[in-house]
Amino acid sequence: MLGARIVCGAANNQLAHPGVEKDLADRNVLYAPDYVVNSGGVIQVADEIAGFDFERAKARASGIHDTTRKIFALAADEGVPPAAAADRLAERRMSEIGRLRGILV
């Protein structure tokens, strides 16, 4: 019954249950994962740890657009819904950070 072409989650857990993102993709409805597009608050809180700097936080938050585009491209390249692509990208980033921390220790 959804008539929208895009679902852009502005809060956490926009979808009723896991698997809805696949249903949306099957119906050519573009889903922007909530934890990606709603990450500005986390970016600001993380910036506050070092002493909040508006320009620095704004610069980091401006990357949300690029990250969202990367997720859509990855989804298209790998033939998966954007939610799965977002999870894969997040897992890759966490793995890379863990690997780098091991080098720095």
Protein backbone atom coordinates (compact mmCIF):
# COMPACT_ATOMS: atom_id res chain seq x y z
CA MET A 1 0.00 0.00 0.00
CA LEU A 2 3.03 2.28 0.30
CA GLY A 3 3.02 4.80 -2.52
CA ALA A 4 6.42 6.32 -1.79
CA ARG A 5 9.44 5.74 -4.01
CA ILE A 6 11.87 6.39 -1.14
CA VAL A 7 11.83 5.52 2.56
CA CYS A 8 14.35 7.57 4.49
CA GLY A 9 14.36 6.61 8.14
CA ALA A 10 14.66 9.71 10.31
CA ALA A 11 14.56 7.73 13.56
CA ASN A 12 15.70 4.31 14.69
CA ASN A 13 14.00 1.12 13.58
CA GLN A 14 11.75 2.49 10.85
CA LEU A 15 10.93 -0.93 9.46
CA ALA A 16 8.45 -3.26 11.14
CA HIS A 17 10.77 -6.28 11.04
CA PRO A 18 13.92 -7.61 9.37
CA GLY A 19 13.22 -8.46 5.78
CA VAL A 20 11.05 -5.45 5.01
CA GLU A 21 14.05 -3.82 3.31
CA LYS A 22 14.05 -6.72 0.82
CA ASP A 23 10.32 -6.24 0.22
CA LEU A 24 10.96 -2.55 -0.46
CA ALA A 25 13.79 -3.34 -2.87
CA ASP A 26 11.61 -5.87 -4.69
CA ARG A 27 9.05 -3.08 -5.19
CA ASN A 28 11.72 -0.60 -6.39
CA VAL A 29 11.36 1.52 -3.26
CA LEU A 30 14.70 2.97 -2.26
CA TYR A 31 15.38 2.57 1.46
CA ALA A 32 17.94 4.79 3.18
CA PRO A 33 18.88 2.97 6.40
CA ASP A 34 17.92 4.89 9.51
CA TYR A 35 21.21 4.51 11.33
CA VAL A 36 23.03 6.04 8.37
CA VAL A 37 20.86 9.07 7.67
CA ASN A 38 20.23 9.65 11.37
CA SER A 39 23.91 9.53 12.37
CA GLY A 40 24.41 13.27 12.83
CA GLY A 41 23.55 13.10 16.52
CA VAL A 42 26.17 10.42 17.14
CA ILE A 43 28.70 12.46 15.20
CA GLN A 44 28.03 15.48 17.39
CA VAL A 45 28.26 13.50 20.63
CA ALA A 46 31.53 11.91 19.49
CA ASP A 47 32.89 15.37 18.67
CA GLU A 48 32.03 16.58 22.16
CA ILE A 49 34.50 14.09 23.65
CA ALA A 50 37.39 16.20 22.34
CA GLY A 51 35.64 19.49 23.11
CA PHE A 52 32.86 20.41 20.73
CA ASP A 53 33.83 22.29 17.62
CA PHE A 54 30.88 23.18 15.39
CA GLU A 55 32.86 23.39 12.15
CA ARG A 56 34.59 20.05 12.78
CA ALA A 57 31.28 18.34 13.63
CA LYS A 58 29.61 19.92 10.59
CA ALA A 59 32.43 18.70 8.33
CA ARG A 60 32.08 15.17 9.68
CA ALA A 61 28.29 15.22 9.36
CA SER A 62 28.57 16.39 5.75
CA GLY A 63 29.97 12.92 5.00
CA ILE A 64 26.56 11.37 5.66
CA HIS A 65 25.50 12.20 2.10
CA ASP A 66 28.60 10.59 0.58
CA THR A 67 28.27 7.54 2.79
CA THR A 68 24.63 7.12 1.79
CA ARG A 69 25.59 7.31 -1.89
CA LYS A 70 28.33 4.70 -1.30
CA ILE A 71 25.75 2.44 0.29
CA PHE A 72 23.39 2.77 -2.68
CA ALA A 73 26.26 2.03 -5.09
CA LEU A 74 27.41 -0.96 -3.05
CA ALA A 75 23.83 -2.27 -2.94
CA ALA A 76 23.55 -2.00 -6.70
CA ASP A 77 26.98 -3.58 -7.30
CA GLU A 78 26.35 -6.49 -4.95
CA GLY A 79 22.65 -6.95 -5.73
CA VAL A 80 21.53 -6.51 -2.13
CA PRO A 81 19.12 -4.11 -0.42
CA PRO A 82 20.69 -0.88 0.91
CA ALA A 83 20.23 -2.06 4.51
CA ALA A 84 22.44 -5.08 3.82
CA ALA A 85 24.97 -2.89 2.02
CA ALA A 86 25.01 -0.47 4.97
CA ASP A 87 25.65 -3.33 7.36
CA ARG A 88 28.46 -4.65 5.17
CA LEU A 89 30.08 -1.22 4.94
CA ALA A 90 29.81 -0.73 8.72
CA GLU A 91 31.31 -4.17 9.35
CA ARG A 92 34.20 -3.42 6.98
CA ARG A 93 34.88 -0.10 8.70
CA MET A 94 34.82 -1.70 12.17
CA SER A 95 37.13 -4.46 10.99
CA GLU A 96 39.55 -1.92 9.53
CA ILE A 97 39.55 0.13 12.72
CA GLY A 98 40.20 -3.01 14.76
CA ARG A 99 43.08 -3.95 12.47
CA LEU A 100 44.56 -0.46 12.72
CA ARG A 101 44.25 -0.44 16.52
CA GLY A 102 46.22 -3.69 16.59
CA ILE A 103 49.00 -2.01 14.64
CA LEU A 104 49.04 1.05 16.89
CA VAL A 105 49.20 -0.93 20.13
